[in-house]
Amino acid sequence: MLYKFKSKATGDLIMLEPQGKHILKLIGKEPGAKGIILPNEMLAAIDALNVAVVKEELAIQSGKDASKDEREDEAAASTAEGPRAISLKQRVVPFIDMLRRAHAEDKEVVWGV
């Protein structure tokens, strides 16, 4: 399954299921087949994503192990060839941009519709 995020303020953003689910969990949304992020929820979602990026970077720098949920999400995002080579920061930058632009135009972001 793919997650196709849409907004009238931006172009579409497509993610594979494991990465889409992970990002939705980070912002407190149920990773279902359909959903919506309202403009009044977007700033909190952006903050949550930025916090998750900082936590990942700190964990990498300190060599500490990630939490159990983060390890499970990473395992789901891994490919058969090896561990995920793309950092969370790289994954969320386009999504954060979409949220910022949609928030600025007071438009929602939807998926699965």
N, C-alpha and C. Protein backbone atom coordinates (compact mmCIF):
# COMPACT_ATOMS: atom_id res chain seq x y z
N MET A 1 0.84 -1.18 0.00
CA MET A 1 0.00 0.00 0.00
C MET A 1 0.88 1.24 0.00
N LEU A 2 0.38 2.26 -0.62
CA LEU A 2 1.03 3.56 -0.63
C LEU A 2 0.16 4.56 0.11
N TYR A 3 0.80 5.53 0.72
CA TYR A 3 0.08 6.67 1.27
C TYR A 3 0.27 7.82 0.29
N LYS A 4 -0.85 8.36 -0.18
CA LYS A 4 -0.81 9.51 -1.08
C LYS A 4 -1.44 10.69 -0.34
N PHE A 5 -0.59 11.59 0.13
CA PHE A 5 -1.05 12.77 0.86
C PHE A 5 -1.36 13.86 -0.16
N LYS A 6 -2.54 14.48 0.02
CA LYS A 6 -3.01 15.49 -0.93
C LYS A 6 -3.42 16.75 -0.19
N SER A 7 -3.21 17.89 -0.85
CA SER A 7 -3.68 19.16 -0.34
C SER A 7 -3.92 20.09 -1.52
N LYS A 8 -4.89 20.97 -1.38
CA LYS A 8 -5.14 21.95 -2.43
C LYS A 8 -4.04 23.01 -2.48
N ALA A 9 -3.20 23.05 -1.46
CA ALA A 9 -2.13 24.04 -1.39
C ALA A 9 -0.82 23.54 -1.99
N THR A 10 -0.70 22.22 -2.22
CA THR A 10 0.57 21.65 -2.69
C THR A 10 0.31 20.54 -3.68
N GLY A 11 1.39 20.02 -4.22
CA GLY A 11 1.31 18.81 -5.01
C GLY A 11 1.16 17.61 -4.09
N ASP A 12 0.90 16.45 -4.67
CA ASP A 12 0.75 15.23 -3.89
C ASP A 12 2.10 14.75 -3.37
N LEU A 13 2.06 14.05 -2.25
CA LEU A 13 3.26 13.46 -1.65
C LEU A 13 2.96 11.98 -1.44
N ILE A 14 3.77 11.12 -2.02
CA ILE A 14 3.54 9.68 -1.95
C ILE A 14 4.62 9.04 -1.09
N MET A 15 4.19 8.16 -0.19
CA MET A 15 5.11 7.42 0.67
C MET A 15 4.72 5.96 0.68
N LEU A 16 5.72 5.10 0.86
CA LEU A 16 5.44 3.69 1.07
C LEU A 16 4.74 3.52 2.41
N GLU A 17 4.03 2.43 2.57
CA GLU A 17 3.22 2.20 3.77
C GLU A 17 4.01 2.29 5.07
N PRO A 18 5.17 1.62 5.21
CA PRO A 18 5.87 1.69 6.51
C PRO A 18 6.26 3.11 6.90
N GLN A 19 6.77 3.88 5.94
CA GLN A 19 7.18 5.25 6.23
C GLN A 19 5.97 6.15 6.50
N GLY A 20 4.91 5.98 5.74
CA GLY A 20 3.70 6.76 5.96
C GLY A 20 3.10 6.49 7.33
N LYS A 21 3.03 5.22 7.70
CA LYS A 21 2.50 4.86 9.03
C LYS A 21 3.35 5.45 10.14
N HIS A 22 4.66 5.37 9.98
CA HIS A 22 5.57 5.89 10.99
C HIS A 22 5.36 7.39 11.19
N ILE A 23 5.27 8.13 10.12
CA ILE A 23 5.07 9.58 10.22
C ILE A 23 3.72 9.91 10.82
N LEU A 24 2.69 9.18 10.43
CA LEU A 24 1.36 9.44 11.00
C LEU A 24 1.35 9.15 12.50
N LYS A 25 2.01 8.08 12.92
CA LYS A 25 2.10 7.78 14.36
C LYS A 25 2.82 8.90 15.10
N LEU A 26 3.88 9.43 14.50
CA LEU A 26 4.65 10.49 15.14
C LEU A 26 3.82 11.75 15.38
N ILE A 27 2.87 12.01 14.49
CA ILE A 27 2.05 13.22 14.65
C ILE A 27 0.73 12.93 15.38
N GLY A 28 0.58 11.69 15.86
CA GLY A 28 -0.60 11.35 16.64
C GLY A 28 -1.84 11.03 15.84
N LYS A 29 -1.65 10.66 14.59
CA LYS A 29 -2.78 10.28 13.74
C LYS A 29 -2.85 8.77 13.59
N GLU A 30 -4.04 8.26 13.46
CA GLU A 30 -4.25 6.83 13.23
C GLU A 30 -3.85 6.53 11.78
N PRO A 31 -2.90 5.62 11.57
CA PRO A 31 -2.45 5.34 10.21
C PRO A 31 -3.41 4.43 9.45
N GLY A 32 -4.61 4.89 9.26
CA GLY A 32 -5.62 4.13 8.53
C GLY A 32 -5.57 4.39 7.05
N ALA A 33 -6.52 3.79 6.34
CA ALA A 33 -6.58 3.93 4.90
C ALA A 33 -6.99 5.34 4.48
N LYS A 34 -7.74 6.04 5.33
CA LYS A 34 -8.18 7.41 5.04
C LYS A 34 -7.95 8.27 6.26
N GLY A 35 -7.71 9.55 6.02
CA GLY A 35 -7.55 10.46 7.14
C GLY A 35 -7.39 11.89 6.70
N ILE A 36 -7.33 12.77 7.69
CA ILE A 36 -7.22 14.20 7.43
C ILE A 36 -6.40 14.86 8.52
N ILE A 37 -5.63 15.85 8.12
CA ILE A 37 -4.92 16.71 9.06
C ILE A 37 -5.48 18.11 8.83
N LEU A 38 -6.12 18.64 9.85
CA LEU A 38 -6.74 19.96 9.74
C LEU A 38 -5.70 21.05 9.93
N PRO A 39 -5.93 22.23 9.37
CA PRO A 39 -4.96 23.32 9.52
C PRO A 39 -4.61 23.63 10.98
N ASN A 40 -5.59 23.53 11.88
CA ASN A 40 -5.30 23.84 13.29
C ASN A 40 -4.46 22.76 13.97
N GLU A 41 -4.26 21.61 13.33
CA GLU A 41 -3.43 20.53 13.87
C GLU A 41 -2.00 20.54 13.30
N MET A 42 -1.78 21.34 12.28
CA MET A 42 -0.53 21.25 11.53
C MET A 42 0.69 21.75 12.29
N LEU A 43 0.58 22.81 13.04
CA LEU A 43 1.74 23.32 13.76
C LEU A 43 2.21 22.32 14.82
N ALA A 44 1.26 21.68 15.50
CA ALA A 44 1.61 20.65 16.48
C ALA A 44 2.25 19.45 15.78
N ALA A 45 1.76 19.11 14.60
CA ALA A 45 2.33 17.99 13.84
C ALA A 45 3.76 18.31 13.42
N ILE A 46 3.99 19.53 12.98
CA ILE A 46 5.34 19.95 12.59
C ILE A 46 6.28 19.87 13.78
N ASP A 47 5.81 20.36 14.93
CA ASP A 47 6.62 20.30 16.15
C ASP A 47 6.94 18.86 16.53
N ALA A 48 5.96 17.98 16.44
CA ALA A 48 6.17 16.57 16.79
C ALA A 48 7.20 15.92 15.87
N LEU A 49 7.14 16.25 14.59
CA LEU A 49 8.11 15.70 13.65
C LEU A 49 9.52 16.23 13.93
N ASN A 50 9.62 17.51 14.23
CA ASN A 50 10.93 18.09 14.55
C ASN A 50 11.52 17.48 15.81
N VAL A 51 10.69 17.24 16.82
CA VAL A 51 11.15 16.59 18.05
C VAL A 51 11.65 15.18 17.75
N ALA A 52 10.92 14.44 16.93
CA ALA A 52 11.33 13.08 16.58
C ALA A 52 12.66 13.08 15.84
N VAL A 53 12.87 14.05 14.96
CA VAL A 53 14.13 14.16 14.23
C VAL A 53 15.28 14.42 15.19
N VAL A 54 15.07 15.35 16.12
CA VAL A 54 16.12 15.67 17.10
C VAL A 54 16.44 14.45 17.95
N LYS A 55 15.41 13.72 18.39
CA LYS A 55 15.64 12.51 19.18
C LYS A 55 16.45 11.49 18.41
N GLU A 56 16.11 11.30 17.12
CA GLU A 56 16.85 10.34 16.32
C GLU A 56 18.31 10.78 16.16
N GLU A 57 18.53 12.05 15.91
CA GLU A 57 19.90 12.55 15.73
C GLU A 57 20.71 12.41 17.03
N LEU A 58 20.07 12.70 18.15
CA LEU A 58 20.76 12.55 19.44
C LEU A 58 21.08 11.09 19.73
N ALA A 59 20.15 10.20 19.40
CA ALA A 59 20.37 8.77 19.61
C ALA A 59 21.53 8.27 18.75
N ILE A 60 21.60 8.76 17.54
CA ILE A 60 22.69 8.35 16.64
C ILE A 60 24.03 8.89 17.16
N GLN A 61 24.03 10.15 17.56
CA GLN A 61 25.28 10.76 18.05
C GLN A 61 25.77 10.10 19.33
N SER A 62 24.84 9.76 20.21
CA SER A 62 25.25 9.19 21.49
C SER A 62 25.42 7.68 21.42
N GLY A 63 25.00 7.09 20.31
CA GLY A 63 25.12 5.65 20.16
C GLY A 63 24.11 4.87 20.97
N LYS A 64 23.13 5.58 21.54
CA LYS A 64 22.11 4.90 22.34
C LYS A 64 21.11 4.23 21.43
N ASP A 65 20.50 3.21 21.97
CA ASP A 65 19.48 2.45 21.24
C ASP A 65 18.18 3.24 21.24
N ALA A 66 17.44 3.14 20.16
CA ALA A 66 16.14 3.80 20.05
C ALA A 66 15.12 3.06 20.90
N SER A 67 13.97 3.69 21.11
CA SER A 67 12.91 3.03 21.88
C SER A 67 12.38 1.82 21.12
N LYS A 68 11.64 0.98 21.81
CA LYS A 68 11.11 -0.24 21.20
C LYS A 68 10.23 0.09 20.00
N ASP A 69 9.32 1.07 20.13
CA ASP A 69 8.44 1.44 19.02
C ASP A 69 9.25 1.94 17.82
N GLU A 70 10.27 2.75 18.09
CA GLU A 70 11.09 3.27 17.00
C GLU A 70 11.84 2.14 16.31
N ARG A 71 12.33 1.16 17.08
CA ARG A 71 13.02 0.02 16.48
C ARG A 71 12.08 -0.79 15.61
N GLU A 72 10.84 -0.99 16.08
CA GLU A 72 9.87 -1.74 15.30
C GLU A 72 9.53 -1.01 14.01
N ASP A 73 9.34 0.32 14.09
CA ASP A 73 9.05 1.10 12.89
C ASP A 73 10.23 1.07 11.92
N GLU A 74 11.45 1.15 12.45
CA GLU A 74 12.63 1.08 11.60
C GLU A 74 12.74 -0.27 10.93
N ALA A 75 12.45 -1.32 11.67
CA ALA A 75 12.51 -2.67 11.11
C ALA A 75 11.50 -2.81 9.97
N ALA A 76 10.33 -2.25 10.16
CA ALA A 76 9.31 -2.31 9.11
C ALA A 76 9.73 -1.50 7.89
N ALA A 77 10.49 -0.44 8.13
CA ALA A 77 10.92 0.43 7.03
C ALA A 77 12.17 -0.11 6.33
N SER A 78 12.83 -1.09 6.91
CA SER A 78 14.05 -1.65 6.32
C SER A 78 13.71 -2.45 5.07
N THR A 79 14.67 -2.53 4.20
CA THR A 79 14.48 -3.32 2.98
C THR A 79 15.15 -4.68 3.17
N ALA A 80 14.94 -5.56 2.22
CA ALA A 80 15.54 -6.89 2.30
C ALA A 80 17.07 -6.81 2.17
N GLU A 81 17.57 -5.77 1.51
CA GLU A 81 19.00 -5.64 1.29
C GLU A 81 19.75 -5.16 2.52
N GLY A 82 19.07 -4.51 3.44
CA GLY A 82 19.76 -4.00 4.61
C GLY A 82 18.96 -2.90 5.28
N PRO A 83 19.57 -2.24 6.26
CA PRO A 83 18.85 -1.21 7.00
C PRO A 83 18.54 0.01 6.14
N ARG A 84 17.56 0.73 6.59
CA ARG A 84 17.12 1.94 5.90
C ARG A 84 18.28 2.92 5.82
N ALA A 85 18.56 3.43 4.64
CA ALA A 85 19.66 4.36 4.44
C ALA A 85 19.20 5.81 4.53
N ILE A 86 17.91 6.04 4.54
CA ILE A 86 17.38 7.40 4.56
C ILE A 86 16.96 7.74 5.98
N SER A 87 17.46 8.86 6.47
CA SER A 87 17.16 9.26 7.85
C SER A 87 15.72 9.77 7.96
N LEU A 88 15.25 9.83 9.19
CA LEU A 88 13.92 10.38 9.44
C LEU A 88 13.85 11.82 8.96
N LYS A 89 14.91 12.57 9.20
CA LYS A 89 14.93 13.98 8.77
C LYS A 89 14.70 14.09 7.27
N GLN A 90 15.36 13.25 6.49
CA GLN A 90 15.18 13.28 5.05
C GLN A 90 13.75 12.91 4.65
N ARG A 91 13.15 12.01 5.39
CA ARG A 91 11.79 11.58 5.07
C ARG A 91 10.75 12.65 5.40
N VAL A 92 10.96 13.37 6.51
CA VAL A 92 9.92 14.29 6.96
C VAL A 92 10.01 15.68 6.34
N VAL A 93 11.14 16.05 5.77
CA VAL A 93 11.28 17.40 5.21
C VAL A 93 10.18 17.71 4.18
N PRO A 94 9.91 16.84 3.20
CA PRO A 94 8.85 17.16 2.25
C PRO A 94 7.47 17.22 2.92
N PHE A 95 7.26 16.37 3.92
CA PHE A 95 5.98 16.35 4.62
C PHE A 95 5.79 17.63 5.44
N ILE A 96 6.86 18.06 6.11
CA ILE A 96 6.79 19.32 6.87
C ILE A 96 6.53 20.49 5.94
N ASP A 97 7.18 20.49 4.78
CA ASP A 97 6.94 21.55 3.80
C ASP A 97 5.48 21.56 3.36
N MET A 98 4.92 20.37 3.13
CA MET A 98 3.52 20.27 2.74
C MET A 98 2.61 20.84 3.85
N LEU A 99 2.90 20.46 5.09
CA LEU A 99 2.09 20.95 6.21
C LEU A 99 2.19 22.47 6.35
N ARG A 100 3.39 23.01 6.22
CA ARG A 100 3.58 24.47 6.33
C ARG A 100 2.81 25.22 5.24
N ARG A 101 2.92 24.74 4.02
CA ARG A 101 2.24 25.40 2.91
C ARG A 101 0.72 25.28 3.04
N ALA A 102 0.25 24.12 3.44
CA ALA A 102 -1.19 23.92 3.62
C ALA A 102 -1.70 24.79 4.77
N HIS A 103 -0.94 24.87 5.85
CA HIS A 103 -1.33 25.71 6.98
C HIS A 103 -1.41 27.17 6.57
N ALA A 104 -0.44 27.63 5.79
CA ALA A 104 -0.41 29.02 5.35
C ALA A 104 -1.63 29.37 4.51
N GLU A 105 -2.14 28.41 3.76
CA GLU A 105 -3.32 28.64 2.91
C GLU A 105 -4.61 28.15 3.56
N ASP A 106 -4.53 27.68 4.81
CA ASP A 106 -5.69 27.20 5.56
C ASP A 106 -6.41 26.06 4.83
N LYS A 107 -5.61 25.14 4.30
CA LYS A 107 -6.13 23.96 3.58
C LYS A 107 -5.72 22.70 4.32
N GLU A 108 -6.58 21.70 4.30
CA GLU A 108 -6.27 20.45 4.99
C GLU A 108 -5.39 19.56 4.11
N VAL A 109 -4.78 18.58 4.77
CA VAL A 109 -4.03 17.53 4.10
C VAL A 109 -4.82 16.23 4.33
N VAL A 110 -5.07 15.50 3.26
CA VAL A 110 -5.86 14.27 3.35
C VAL A 110 -5.07 13.12 2.72
N TRP A 111 -5.47 11.90 3.06
CA TRP A 111 -4.93 10.72 2.39
C TRP A 111 -6.04 9.70 2.25
N GLY A 112 -5.93 8.90 1.20
CA GLY A 112 -6.86 7.80 0.97
C GLY A 112 -8.21 8.22 0.42
N VAL A 113 -8.31 9.42 -0.07
CA VAL A 113 -9.60 9.87 -0.66
C VAL A 113 -9.42 10.25 -2.10
